[in-house]
Amino acid sequence: MKGNKKGFTLIELLVAVLIIVILSAIATQQYNKAVERSRLEEAVVFLRNVSDAQQRRFMNRNSFTEDFRGIDTSYRGSYGSTYYTKGNSVTGDRGNGFAVTLSGTAWEQGKVVAVRTAFTGLFTVPFAYQAERYYVNHATACRSTPGASEFSAFNGASLCADFCGINFLEIGNWCCNDGSSPDGGSEELTGRCKEPTKIIDGLS
């Protein structure tokens, strides 16, 4: 009497390998997104610290500054209006971090923008996005970086959608983390976050 020989066929092995590959890809993507979300949160804290420093300056000098050396929060190697969080602001080496730029000196214009950067010599990052904050607002706006590859821009938009608490965000559109953004965000400037008014009614 012959015994039954049990084993796996080639098709079964291929299906098992395919399932493992798919699950690994999904897990890797979710891990990368979680890591990038932590980077975005670090950028948000950075923007808040700069905004607080700019508010203190405005109370003393009645204007914001477009030079990092003009605020009371010092960053090593800061020079001019743009600071690279992981690079060198003097030489222009970007590093795997953010390019943070100060813009505007008037009350209703002053804001700080953080753009995700790759190492100098690399053209793109897996998640291409930027965040901005008016110095006198509490909210932060986010969108995918213009000009990025479709893959990087899609990832950036997906990350921003999570950050703003909406289901999806179209590539190139803005959303705001104050709960005001509808799904899809907005291409309009006012679709970012509420713009400051020209009337100074106290720091908000």
N, C-alpha and C. Protein backbone atom coordinates (compact mmCIF):
# COMPACT_ATOMS: atom_id res chain seq x y z
N MET A 1 0.84 -1.18 0.00
CA MET A 1 0.00 0.00 0.00
C MET A 1 0.88 1.23 0.00
N LYS A 2 0.61 2.10 -0.93
CA LYS A 2 1.41 3.30 -1.07
C LYS A 2 0.92 4.38 -0.10
N GLY A 3 1.88 5.05 0.55
CA GLY A 3 1.52 6.16 1.44
C GLY A 3 1.29 7.43 0.65
N ASN A 4 0.46 8.29 1.19
CA ASN A 4 0.20 9.57 0.55
C ASN A 4 1.38 10.52 0.79
N LYS A 5 1.92 11.04 -0.29
CA LYS A 5 3.01 12.01 -0.20
C LYS A 5 2.42 13.42 -0.26
N LYS A 6 2.57 14.16 0.83
CA LYS A 6 2.05 15.52 0.88
C LYS A 6 3.16 16.52 0.63
N GLY A 7 2.85 17.55 -0.11
CA GLY A 7 3.82 18.59 -0.41
C GLY A 7 3.13 19.77 -1.07
N PHE A 8 3.93 20.76 -1.46
CA PHE A 8 3.40 21.95 -2.11
C PHE A 8 3.72 21.91 -3.60
N THR A 9 2.75 22.29 -4.37
CA THR A 9 3.01 22.40 -5.80
C THR A 9 3.73 23.71 -6.08
N LEU A 10 4.29 23.82 -7.27
CA LEU A 10 5.00 25.04 -7.66
C LEU A 10 4.06 26.25 -7.65
N ILE A 11 2.83 26.05 -8.09
CA ILE A 11 1.85 27.14 -8.11
C ILE A 11 1.56 27.63 -6.70
N GLU A 12 1.41 26.69 -5.76
CA GLU A 12 1.14 27.07 -4.38
C GLU A 12 2.30 27.86 -3.78
N LEU A 13 3.52 27.43 -4.10
CA LEU A 13 4.69 28.16 -3.60
C LEU A 13 4.75 29.56 -4.19
N LEU A 14 4.47 29.69 -5.48
CA LEU A 14 4.50 31.00 -6.13
C LEU A 14 3.43 31.93 -5.53
N VAL A 15 2.26 31.39 -5.28
CA VAL A 15 1.18 32.19 -4.67
C VAL A 15 1.60 32.64 -3.28
N ALA A 16 2.20 31.74 -2.51
CA ALA A 16 2.63 32.09 -1.15
C ALA A 16 3.69 33.20 -1.18
N VAL A 17 4.66 33.05 -2.11
CA VAL A 17 5.71 34.07 -2.24
C VAL A 17 5.11 35.41 -2.65
N LEU A 18 4.15 35.38 -3.59
CA LEU A 18 3.50 36.60 -4.06
C LEU A 18 2.77 37.30 -2.91
N ILE A 19 2.08 36.54 -2.09
CA ILE A 19 1.36 37.11 -0.95
C ILE A 19 2.34 37.76 0.03
N ILE A 20 3.46 37.10 0.28
CA ILE A 20 4.47 37.64 1.20
C ILE A 20 5.05 38.94 0.64
N VAL A 21 5.31 38.96 -0.66
CA VAL A 21 5.86 40.18 -1.29
C VAL A 21 4.87 41.33 -1.18
N ILE A 22 3.61 41.07 -1.44
CA ILE A 22 2.58 42.12 -1.36
C ILE A 22 2.45 42.65 0.05
N LEU A 23 2.39 41.76 1.03
CA LEU A 23 2.29 42.18 2.42
C LEU A 23 3.52 42.96 2.86
N SER A 24 4.69 42.55 2.40
CA SER A 24 5.93 43.27 2.73
C SER A 24 5.92 44.67 2.14
N ALA A 25 5.44 44.79 0.91
CA ALA A 25 5.39 46.11 0.26
C ALA A 25 4.44 47.04 1.00
N ILE A 26 3.28 46.51 1.42
CA ILE A 26 2.31 47.32 2.16
C ILE A 26 2.89 47.75 3.49
N ALA A 27 3.54 46.82 4.19
CA ALA A 27 4.12 47.13 5.51
C ALA A 27 5.23 48.16 5.37
N THR A 28 6.06 48.02 4.33
CA THR A 28 7.15 48.97 4.11
C THR A 28 6.62 50.36 3.82
N GLN A 29 5.57 50.45 2.98
CA GLN A 29 4.97 51.74 2.65
C GLN A 29 4.40 52.40 3.90
N GLN A 30 3.70 51.62 4.73
CA GLN A 30 3.12 52.18 5.95
C GLN A 30 4.21 52.63 6.93
N TYR A 31 5.29 51.87 6.99
CA TYR A 31 6.40 52.25 7.86
C TYR A 31 7.04 53.55 7.38
N ASN A 32 7.30 53.64 6.06
CA ASN A 32 7.90 54.85 5.51
C ASN A 32 7.00 56.06 5.74
N LYS A 33 5.69 55.85 5.62
CA LYS A 33 4.76 56.96 5.84
C LYS A 33 4.78 57.39 7.30
N ALA A 34 4.87 56.44 8.21
CA ALA A 34 4.92 56.77 9.64
C ALA A 34 6.19 57.55 9.97
N VAL A 35 7.31 57.14 9.38
CA VAL A 35 8.58 57.86 9.59
C VAL A 35 8.48 59.27 9.05
N GLU A 36 7.89 59.40 7.86
CA GLU A 36 7.77 60.73 7.25
C GLU A 36 6.81 61.61 8.03
N ARG A 37 5.76 61.00 8.59
CA ARG A 37 4.82 61.77 9.40
C ARG A 37 5.54 62.37 10.62
N SER A 38 6.47 61.61 11.20
CA SER A 38 7.23 62.13 12.34
C SER A 38 8.11 63.29 11.90
N ARG A 39 8.65 63.22 10.68
CA ARG A 39 9.45 64.34 10.15
C ARG A 39 8.57 65.57 9.97
N LEU A 40 7.37 65.38 9.46
CA LEU A 40 6.44 66.49 9.29
C LEU A 40 6.10 67.12 10.63
N GLU A 41 5.89 66.31 11.64
CA GLU A 41 5.58 66.85 12.97
C GLU A 41 6.75 67.65 13.51
N GLU A 42 7.98 67.20 13.24
CA GLU A 42 9.17 67.95 13.65
C GLU A 42 9.20 69.31 12.95
N ALA A 43 8.83 69.32 11.66
CA ALA A 43 8.80 70.58 10.91
C ALA A 43 7.75 71.52 11.48
N VAL A 44 6.59 70.98 11.88
CA VAL A 44 5.53 71.80 12.46
C VAL A 44 6.00 72.45 13.75
N VAL A 45 6.71 71.70 14.59
CA VAL A 45 7.26 72.26 15.83
C VAL A 45 8.27 73.35 15.50
N PHE A 46 9.09 73.13 14.49
CA PHE A 46 10.08 74.12 14.06
C PHE A 46 9.38 75.40 13.61
N LEU A 47 8.32 75.27 12.81
CA LEU A 47 7.58 76.44 12.34
C LEU A 47 6.96 77.19 13.51
N ARG A 48 6.45 76.46 14.49
CA ARG A 48 5.86 77.11 15.65
C ARG A 48 6.91 77.89 16.45
N ASN A 49 8.08 77.31 16.62
CA ASN A 49 9.14 77.99 17.36
C ASN A 49 9.58 79.26 16.65
N VAL A 50 9.70 79.19 15.33
CA VAL A 50 10.07 80.38 14.55
C VAL A 50 8.97 81.43 14.66
N SER A 51 7.72 81.01 14.58
CA SER A 51 6.60 81.95 14.68
C SER A 51 6.59 82.65 16.04
N ASP A 52 6.83 81.89 17.10
CA ASP A 52 6.88 82.49 18.43
C ASP A 52 7.99 83.53 18.52
N ALA A 53 9.15 83.21 17.95
CA ALA A 53 10.28 84.15 17.96
C ALA A 53 9.95 85.40 17.15
N GLN A 54 9.26 85.23 16.02
CA GLN A 54 8.88 86.37 15.20
C GLN A 54 7.85 87.25 15.92
N GLN A 55 6.95 86.66 16.67
CA GLN A 55 5.97 87.44 17.43
C GLN A 55 6.66 88.28 18.50
N ARG A 56 7.65 87.70 19.16
CA ARG A 56 8.40 88.46 20.16
C ARG A 56 9.12 89.63 19.51
N ARG A 57 9.68 89.38 18.32
CA ARG A 57 10.38 90.46 17.62
C ARG A 57 9.40 91.56 17.23
N PHE A 58 8.20 91.18 16.77
CA PHE A 58 7.23 92.18 16.33
C PHE A 58 6.82 93.09 17.49
N MET A 59 6.69 92.52 18.67
CA MET A 59 6.30 93.33 19.83
C MET A 59 7.38 94.35 20.17
N ASN A 60 8.64 94.02 19.87
CA ASN A 60 9.74 94.92 20.20
C ASN A 60 10.06 95.91 19.07
N ARG A 61 9.91 95.47 17.81
CA ARG A 61 10.35 96.29 16.68
C ARG A 61 9.26 96.64 15.68
N ASN A 62 8.06 96.13 15.92
CA ASN A 62 6.91 96.42 15.06
C ASN A 62 7.09 95.90 13.63
N SER A 63 7.88 94.87 13.46
CA SER A 63 8.04 94.23 12.15
C SER A 63 8.68 92.86 12.33
N PHE A 64 8.39 92.00 11.37
CA PHE A 64 9.06 90.70 11.35
C PHE A 64 10.37 90.84 10.59
N THR A 65 11.19 89.81 10.60
CA THR A 65 12.44 89.83 9.87
C THR A 65 12.48 88.70 8.85
N GLU A 66 13.24 88.89 7.79
CA GLU A 66 13.44 87.85 6.78
C GLU A 66 14.85 87.27 6.89
N ASP A 67 15.48 87.46 8.04
CA ASP A 67 16.82 86.95 8.28
C ASP A 67 16.82 86.18 9.60
N PHE A 68 17.24 84.92 9.54
CA PHE A 68 17.25 84.10 10.75
C PHE A 68 18.10 84.70 11.86
N ARG A 69 19.09 85.51 11.48
CA ARG A 69 19.95 86.11 12.49
C ARG A 69 19.22 87.22 13.26
N GLY A 70 18.03 87.60 12.80
CA GLY A 70 17.28 88.68 13.45
C GLY A 70 16.28 88.22 14.48
N ILE A 71 16.17 86.89 14.70
CA ILE A 71 15.25 86.40 15.73
C ILE A 71 16.04 85.86 16.90
N ASP A 72 15.38 85.78 18.06
CA ASP A 72 16.10 85.41 19.28
C ASP A 72 16.24 83.91 19.48
N THR A 73 15.77 83.12 18.52
CA THR A 73 15.96 81.67 18.56
C THR A 73 17.08 81.33 17.58
N SER A 74 18.20 80.89 18.10
CA SER A 74 19.36 80.68 17.24
C SER A 74 19.40 79.25 16.72
N TYR A 75 19.79 79.12 15.46
CA TYR A 75 19.98 77.82 14.83
C TYR A 75 21.39 77.78 14.27
N ARG A 76 22.11 76.74 14.58
CA ARG A 76 23.50 76.64 14.18
C ARG A 76 23.64 76.73 12.67
N GLY A 77 24.45 77.64 12.22
CA GLY A 77 24.70 77.81 10.79
C GLY A 77 23.62 78.58 10.07
N SER A 78 22.67 79.18 10.81
CA SER A 78 21.61 79.95 10.14
C SER A 78 22.19 81.19 9.50
N TYR A 79 21.70 81.48 8.30
CA TYR A 79 22.23 82.62 7.55
C TYR A 79 21.19 83.05 6.53
N GLY A 80 20.81 84.32 6.55
CA GLY A 80 19.86 84.83 5.57
C GLY A 80 18.44 84.35 5.83
N SER A 81 17.66 84.28 4.76
CA SER A 81 16.24 83.98 4.89
C SER A 81 15.93 82.49 4.85
N THR A 82 16.89 81.66 4.42
CA THR A 82 16.64 80.22 4.30
C THR A 82 17.60 79.43 5.18
N TYR A 83 17.04 78.48 5.91
CA TYR A 83 17.82 77.63 6.80
C TYR A 83 17.54 76.17 6.46
N TYR A 84 18.60 75.38 6.30
CA TYR A 84 18.45 73.95 6.01
C TYR A 84 18.62 73.17 7.32
N THR A 85 17.56 72.46 7.70
CA THR A 85 17.57 71.77 8.98
C THR A 85 18.60 70.64 9.05
N LYS A 86 18.93 70.05 7.91
CA LYS A 86 19.88 68.94 7.89
C LYS A 86 21.08 69.23 6.99
N GLY A 87 21.22 70.46 6.55
CA GLY A 87 22.30 70.79 5.63
C GLY A 87 23.11 71.96 6.14
N ASN A 88 23.60 72.76 5.20
CA ASN A 88 24.42 73.92 5.52
C ASN A 88 23.86 75.12 4.78
N SER A 89 23.35 76.09 5.53
CA SER A 89 22.71 77.25 4.93
C SER A 89 23.69 78.15 4.20
N VAL A 90 24.94 78.15 4.61
CA VAL A 90 25.94 79.01 3.98
C VAL A 90 26.35 78.46 2.63
N THR A 91 26.63 77.14 2.57
CA THR A 91 27.07 76.54 1.31
C THR A 91 25.91 76.11 0.43
N GLY A 92 24.71 76.03 1.01
CA GLY A 92 23.55 75.63 0.22
C GLY A 92 23.34 74.13 0.14
N ASP A 93 24.10 73.36 0.93
CA ASP A 93 23.88 71.91 0.96
C ASP A 93 22.56 71.63 1.67
N ARG A 94 21.64 70.96 0.99
CA ARG A 94 20.29 70.82 1.52
C ARG A 94 20.18 69.80 2.64
N GLY A 95 20.76 68.64 2.45
CA GLY A 95 20.59 67.58 3.43
C GLY A 95 19.21 66.95 3.34
N ASN A 96 19.02 65.86 4.06
CA ASN A 96 17.76 65.12 4.04
C ASN A 96 16.84 65.67 5.12
N GLY A 97 16.35 66.90 4.89
CA GLY A 97 15.52 67.56 5.89
C GLY A 97 14.57 68.54 5.25
N PHE A 98 14.63 69.79 5.69
CA PHE A 98 13.73 70.83 5.19
C PHE A 98 14.51 72.10 4.89
N ALA A 99 14.05 72.81 3.86
CA ALA A 99 14.50 74.16 3.60
C ALA A 99 13.44 75.08 4.18
N VAL A 100 13.80 75.80 5.24
CA VAL A 100 12.86 76.66 5.95
C VAL A 100 13.13 78.11 5.56
N THR A 101 12.12 78.79 5.04
CA THR A 101 12.29 80.14 4.53
C THR A 101 11.37 81.13 5.23
N LEU A 102 11.95 82.27 5.64
CA LEU A 102 11.19 83.35 6.24
C LEU A 102 10.71 84.28 5.13
N SER A 103 9.47 84.74 5.23
CA SER A 103 8.90 85.58 4.17
C SER A 103 7.97 86.63 4.76
N GLY A 104 8.16 87.89 4.36
CA GLY A 104 7.26 88.97 4.77
C GLY A 104 7.66 89.60 6.09
N THR A 105 7.50 90.92 6.16
CA THR A 105 7.83 91.64 7.39
C THR A 105 6.61 92.31 8.02
N ALA A 106 5.52 92.46 7.26
CA ALA A 106 4.31 93.09 7.79
C ALA A 106 3.46 92.08 8.55
N TRP A 107 2.59 92.60 9.41
CA TRP A 107 1.77 91.75 10.28
C TRP A 107 0.99 90.70 9.52
N GLU A 108 0.31 91.10 8.43
CA GLU A 108 -0.56 90.17 7.72
C GLU A 108 0.18 89.34 6.68
N GLN A 109 1.46 89.61 6.47
CA GLN A 109 2.22 88.92 5.42
C GLN A 109 3.22 87.91 5.96
N GLY A 110 3.68 88.12 7.17
CA GLY A 110 4.76 87.29 7.70
C GLY A 110 4.40 85.82 7.82
N LYS A 111 5.23 84.96 7.24
CA LYS A 111 5.01 83.52 7.36
C LYS A 111 6.33 82.79 7.19
N VAL A 112 6.32 81.53 7.57
CA VAL A 112 7.49 80.67 7.43
C VAL A 112 7.07 79.41 6.68
N VAL A 113 7.90 78.99 5.73
CA VAL A 113 7.58 77.85 4.87
C VAL A 113 8.69 76.80 4.99
N ALA A 114 8.30 75.55 5.15
CA ALA A 114 9.25 74.44 5.20
C ALA A 114 9.00 73.51 4.03
N VAL A 115 10.00 73.34 3.17
CA VAL A 115 9.89 72.46 2.00
C VAL A 115 10.78 71.25 2.21
N ARG A 116 10.22 70.07 2.04
CA ARG A 116 10.99 68.82 2.21
C ARG A 116 12.06 68.74 1.14
N THR A 117 13.29 68.46 1.56
CA THR A 117 14.42 68.42 0.63
C THR A 117 15.12 67.07 0.67
N ALA A 118 15.85 66.79 -0.40
CA ALA A 118 16.69 65.59 -0.47
C ALA A 118 18.14 66.03 -0.37
N PHE A 119 19.03 65.08 -0.24
CA PHE A 119 20.45 65.40 -0.23
C PHE A 119 20.82 66.13 -1.52
N THR A 120 21.77 67.05 -1.42
CA THR A 120 22.26 67.75 -2.59
C THR A 120 22.74 66.75 -3.63
N GLY A 121 22.27 66.90 -4.86
CA GLY A 121 22.61 65.96 -5.93
C GLY A 121 21.48 65.02 -6.25
N LEU A 122 20.56 64.82 -5.31
CA LEU A 122 19.37 64.02 -5.57
C LEU A 122 18.25 64.94 -6.03
N PHE A 123 17.43 64.47 -6.95
CA PHE A 123 16.42 65.33 -7.55
C PHE A 123 15.08 65.28 -6.83
N THR A 124 14.83 64.25 -6.06
CA THR A 124 13.52 64.13 -5.46
C THR A 124 13.59 63.34 -4.16
N VAL A 125 12.50 63.35 -3.43
CA VAL A 125 12.36 62.57 -2.21
C VAL A 125 11.11 61.72 -2.35
N PRO A 126 11.00 60.61 -1.61
CA PRO A 126 9.80 59.76 -1.73
C PRO A 126 8.51 60.49 -1.36
N PHE A 127 8.60 61.44 -0.42
CA PHE A 127 7.45 62.25 -0.02
C PHE A 127 7.79 63.71 -0.27
N ALA A 128 7.18 64.30 -1.29
CA ALA A 128 7.46 65.70 -1.64
C ALA A 128 6.30 66.57 -1.15
N TYR A 129 6.57 67.43 -0.18
CA TYR A 129 5.51 68.27 0.37
C TYR A 129 6.13 69.51 1.01
N GLN A 130 5.28 70.46 1.33
CA GLN A 130 5.71 71.64 2.03
C GLN A 130 4.65 72.07 3.04
N ALA A 131 5.09 72.70 4.10
CA ALA A 131 4.18 73.19 5.14
C ALA A 131 4.47 74.66 5.37
N GLU A 132 3.42 75.42 5.70
CA GLU A 132 3.61 76.84 5.96
C GLU A 132 2.74 77.29 7.13
N ARG A 133 3.19 78.36 7.77
CA ARG A 133 2.46 78.91 8.91
C ARG A 133 2.65 80.41 8.96
N TYR A 134 1.53 81.14 9.05
CA TYR A 134 1.63 82.57 9.31
C TYR A 134 2.08 82.75 10.76
N TYR A 135 2.92 83.75 10.99
CA TYR A 135 3.47 83.93 12.33
C TYR A 135 2.39 84.16 13.39
N VAL A 136 1.27 84.75 13.00
CA VAL A 136 0.26 85.12 13.99
C VAL A 136 -0.90 84.12 14.04
N ASN A 137 -0.79 83.00 13.34
CA ASN A 137 -1.83 81.98 13.36
C ASN A 137 -1.36 80.74 14.10
N HIS A 138 -2.31 79.94 14.56
CA HIS A 138 -1.97 78.69 15.22
C HIS A 138 -1.92 77.52 14.23
N ALA A 139 -2.59 77.65 13.10
CA ALA A 139 -2.74 76.54 12.16
C ALA A 139 -1.56 76.45 11.19
N THR A 140 -1.40 75.25 10.62
CA THR A 140 -0.35 74.98 9.63
C THR A 140 -0.98 74.39 8.39
N ALA A 141 -0.58 74.88 7.23
CA ALA A 141 -1.09 74.39 5.95
C ALA A 141 -0.08 73.44 5.33
N CYS A 142 -0.57 72.56 4.45
CA CYS A 142 0.30 71.54 3.84
C CYS A 142 -0.16 71.25 2.42
N ARG A 143 0.77 70.95 1.53
CA ARG A 143 0.46 70.50 0.17
C ARG A 143 1.66 69.78 -0.41
N SER A 144 1.43 69.05 -1.50
CA SER A 144 2.54 68.41 -2.21
C SER A 144 3.36 69.48 -2.90
N THR A 145 4.66 69.25 -3.02
CA THR A 145 5.56 70.24 -3.60
C THR A 145 5.37 70.34 -5.11
N PRO A 146 5.15 71.56 -5.63
CA PRO A 146 5.02 71.72 -7.08
C PRO A 146 6.29 71.29 -7.81
N GLY A 147 6.13 70.64 -8.94
CA GLY A 147 7.27 70.23 -9.74
C GLY A 147 7.87 68.89 -9.37
N ALA A 148 7.34 68.25 -8.32
CA ALA A 148 7.87 66.95 -7.92
C ALA A 148 7.34 65.86 -8.86
N SER A 149 7.99 64.71 -8.84
CA SER A 149 7.51 63.59 -9.64
C SER A 149 6.12 63.19 -9.18
N GLU A 150 5.37 62.54 -10.06
CA GLU A 150 4.00 62.16 -9.72
C GLU A 150 3.97 61.23 -8.50
N PHE A 151 4.92 60.32 -8.42
CA PHE A 151 4.99 59.39 -7.29
C PHE A 151 5.22 60.14 -5.98
N SER A 152 6.22 61.05 -5.97
CA SER A 152 6.54 61.81 -4.76
C SER A 152 5.42 62.76 -4.39
N ALA A 153 4.81 63.38 -5.40
CA ALA A 153 3.71 64.32 -5.15
C ALA A 153 2.49 63.59 -4.59
N PHE A 154 2.21 62.40 -5.12
CA PHE A 154 1.09 61.61 -4.61
C PHE A 154 1.31 61.26 -3.14
N ASN A 155 2.52 60.80 -2.81
CA ASN A 155 2.83 60.47 -1.43
C ASN A 155 2.74 61.70 -0.53
N GLY A 156 3.23 62.83 -1.04
CA GLY A 156 3.16 64.06 -0.27
C GLY A 156 1.74 64.49 -0.01
N ALA A 157 0.88 64.40 -1.02
CA ALA A 157 -0.52 64.77 -0.86
C ALA A 157 -1.22 63.85 0.14
N SER A 158 -0.90 62.55 0.07
CA SER A 158 -1.48 61.59 1.01
C SER A 158 -1.06 61.89 2.44
N LEU A 159 0.20 62.25 2.62
CA LEU A 159 0.70 62.59 3.95
C LEU A 159 0.01 63.84 4.48
N CYS A 160 -0.15 64.85 3.62
CA CYS A 160 -0.80 66.09 4.02
C CYS A 160 -2.27 65.85 4.38
N ALA A 161 -2.92 64.97 3.63
CA ALA A 161 -4.33 64.66 3.93
C ALA A 161 -4.46 64.08 5.33
N ASP A 162 -3.57 63.16 5.70
CA ASP A 162 -3.57 62.61 7.05
C ASP A 162 -3.32 63.70 8.08
N PHE A 163 -2.38 64.57 7.77
CA PHE A 163 -2.02 65.66 8.69
C PHE A 163 -3.19 66.60 8.92
N CYS A 164 -3.97 66.86 7.86
CA CYS A 164 -5.10 67.79 7.96
C CYS A 164 -6.39 67.10 8.43
N GLY A 165 -6.37 65.79 8.52
CA GLY A 165 -7.54 65.08 8.98
C GLY A 165 -8.65 64.95 7.96
N ILE A 166 -8.28 64.88 6.67
CA ILE A 166 -9.27 64.69 5.62
C ILE A 166 -8.98 63.38 4.90
N ASN A 167 -9.95 62.92 4.12
CA ASN A 167 -9.82 61.60 3.48
C ASN A 167 -8.83 61.60 2.33
N PHE A 168 -8.82 62.67 1.54
CA PHE A 168 -7.86 62.73 0.44
C PHE A 168 -7.56 64.18 0.11
N LEU A 169 -6.43 64.39 -0.56
CA LEU A 169 -6.02 65.72 -0.98
C LEU A 169 -5.49 65.62 -2.40
N GLU A 170 -6.04 66.42 -3.30
CA GLU A 170 -5.57 66.41 -4.67
C GLU A 170 -4.16 66.97 -4.74
N ILE A 171 -3.36 66.43 -5.65
CA ILE A 171 -1.98 66.88 -5.81
C ILE A 171 -1.98 68.37 -6.17
N GLY A 172 -1.19 69.14 -5.45
CA GLY A 172 -1.08 70.58 -5.70
C GLY A 172 -2.02 71.43 -4.88
N ASN A 173 -3.03 70.81 -4.27
CA ASN A 173 -3.97 71.56 -3.45
C ASN A 173 -3.46 71.72 -2.02
N TRP A 174 -3.96 72.77 -1.35
CA TRP A 174 -3.60 73.02 0.04
C TRP A 174 -4.66 72.47 0.98
N CYS A 175 -4.26 72.15 2.19
CA CYS A 175 -5.20 71.85 3.26
C CYS A 175 -4.65 72.46 4.53
N CYS A 176 -5.52 72.62 5.53
CA CYS A 176 -5.13 73.24 6.80
C CYS A 176 -5.47 72.30 7.94
N ASN A 177 -4.62 72.23 8.94
CA ASN A 177 -4.84 71.29 10.04
C ASN A 177 -5.75 71.84 11.13
N ASP A 178 -6.48 72.94 10.83
CA ASP A 178 -7.41 73.49 11.82
C ASP A 178 -8.82 72.94 11.66
N GLY A 179 -8.99 71.96 10.76
CA GLY A 179 -10.30 71.35 10.57
C GLY A 179 -11.20 72.06 9.58
N SER A 180 -10.67 73.06 8.87
CA SER A 180 -11.49 73.84 7.95
C SER A 180 -11.46 73.33 6.52
N SER A 181 -10.59 72.40 6.21
CA SER A 181 -10.41 71.97 4.82
C SER A 181 -11.38 70.86 4.44
N PRO A 182 -12.09 71.01 3.31
CA PRO A 182 -12.92 69.91 2.80
C PRO A 182 -12.05 68.88 2.11
N ASP A 183 -12.58 67.69 1.88
CA ASP A 183 -11.83 66.68 1.12
C ASP A 183 -11.42 67.25 -0.22
N GLY A 184 -10.19 67.00 -0.60
CA GLY A 184 -9.67 67.53 -1.85
C GLY A 184 -8.89 68.81 -1.67
N GLY A 185 -9.12 69.51 -0.55
CA GLY A 185 -8.41 70.75 -0.30
C GLY A 185 -8.84 71.85 -1.24
N SER A 186 -7.96 72.80 -1.45
CA SER A 186 -8.28 73.94 -2.31
C SER A 186 -7.03 74.47 -2.97
N GLU A 187 -7.15 74.87 -4.25
CA GLU A 187 -6.04 75.50 -4.96
C GLU A 187 -5.94 76.98 -4.63
N GLU A 188 -7.02 77.55 -4.10
CA GLU A 188 -7.04 78.98 -3.79
C GLU A 188 -6.13 79.29 -2.61
N LEU A 189 -5.57 80.50 -2.62
CA LEU A 189 -4.70 80.92 -1.53
C LEU A 189 -5.45 80.89 -0.21
N THR A 190 -6.72 81.27 -0.23
CA THR A 190 -7.50 81.28 1.00
C THR A 190 -7.86 79.88 1.46
N GLY A 191 -7.57 78.89 0.63
CA GLY A 191 -7.84 77.51 1.01
C GLY A 191 -6.73 76.92 1.86
N ARG A 192 -5.69 77.68 2.10
CA ARG A 192 -4.61 77.19 2.96
C ARG A 192 -5.09 77.22 4.40
N CYS A 193 -4.73 78.26 5.12
CA CYS A 193 -5.24 78.50 6.45
C CYS A 193 -5.72 79.95 6.49
N LYS A 194 -6.50 80.28 7.46
CA LYS A 194 -7.04 81.63 7.55
C LYS A 194 -5.92 82.66 7.54
N GLU A 195 -6.04 83.63 6.63
CA GLU A 195 -5.01 84.67 6.53
C GLU A 195 -5.20 85.71 7.63
N PRO A 196 -4.09 86.25 8.14
CA PRO A 196 -4.21 87.29 9.17
C PRO A 196 -4.84 88.56 8.59
N THR A 197 -5.50 89.33 9.44
CA THR A 197 -6.03 90.62 9.03
C THR A 197 -5.00 91.69 9.27
N LYS A 198 -5.21 92.86 8.65
CA LYS A 198 -4.27 93.95 8.81
C LYS A 198 -4.42 94.65 10.16
N ILE A 199 -5.55 94.43 10.81
CA ILE A 199 -5.79 95.07 12.10
C ILE A 199 -5.15 94.24 13.20
N ILE A 200 -4.29 94.85 13.96
CA ILE A 200 -3.61 94.14 15.05
C ILE A 200 -4.54 94.14 16.25
N ASP A 201 -5.07 92.99 16.58
CA ASP A 201 -5.97 92.87 17.71
C ASP A 201 -5.40 91.95 18.78
N GLY A 202 -4.09 91.90 18.80
CA GLY A 202 -3.42 91.02 19.77
C GLY A 202 -2.91 89.77 19.08
N LEU A 203 -1.87 89.18 19.59
CA LEU A 203 -1.30 87.98 19.00
C LEU A 203 -2.27 86.83 19.18
N SER A 204 -2.56 86.11 18.10
CA SER A 204 -3.50 85.00 18.19
C SER A 204 -2.76 83.68 18.29
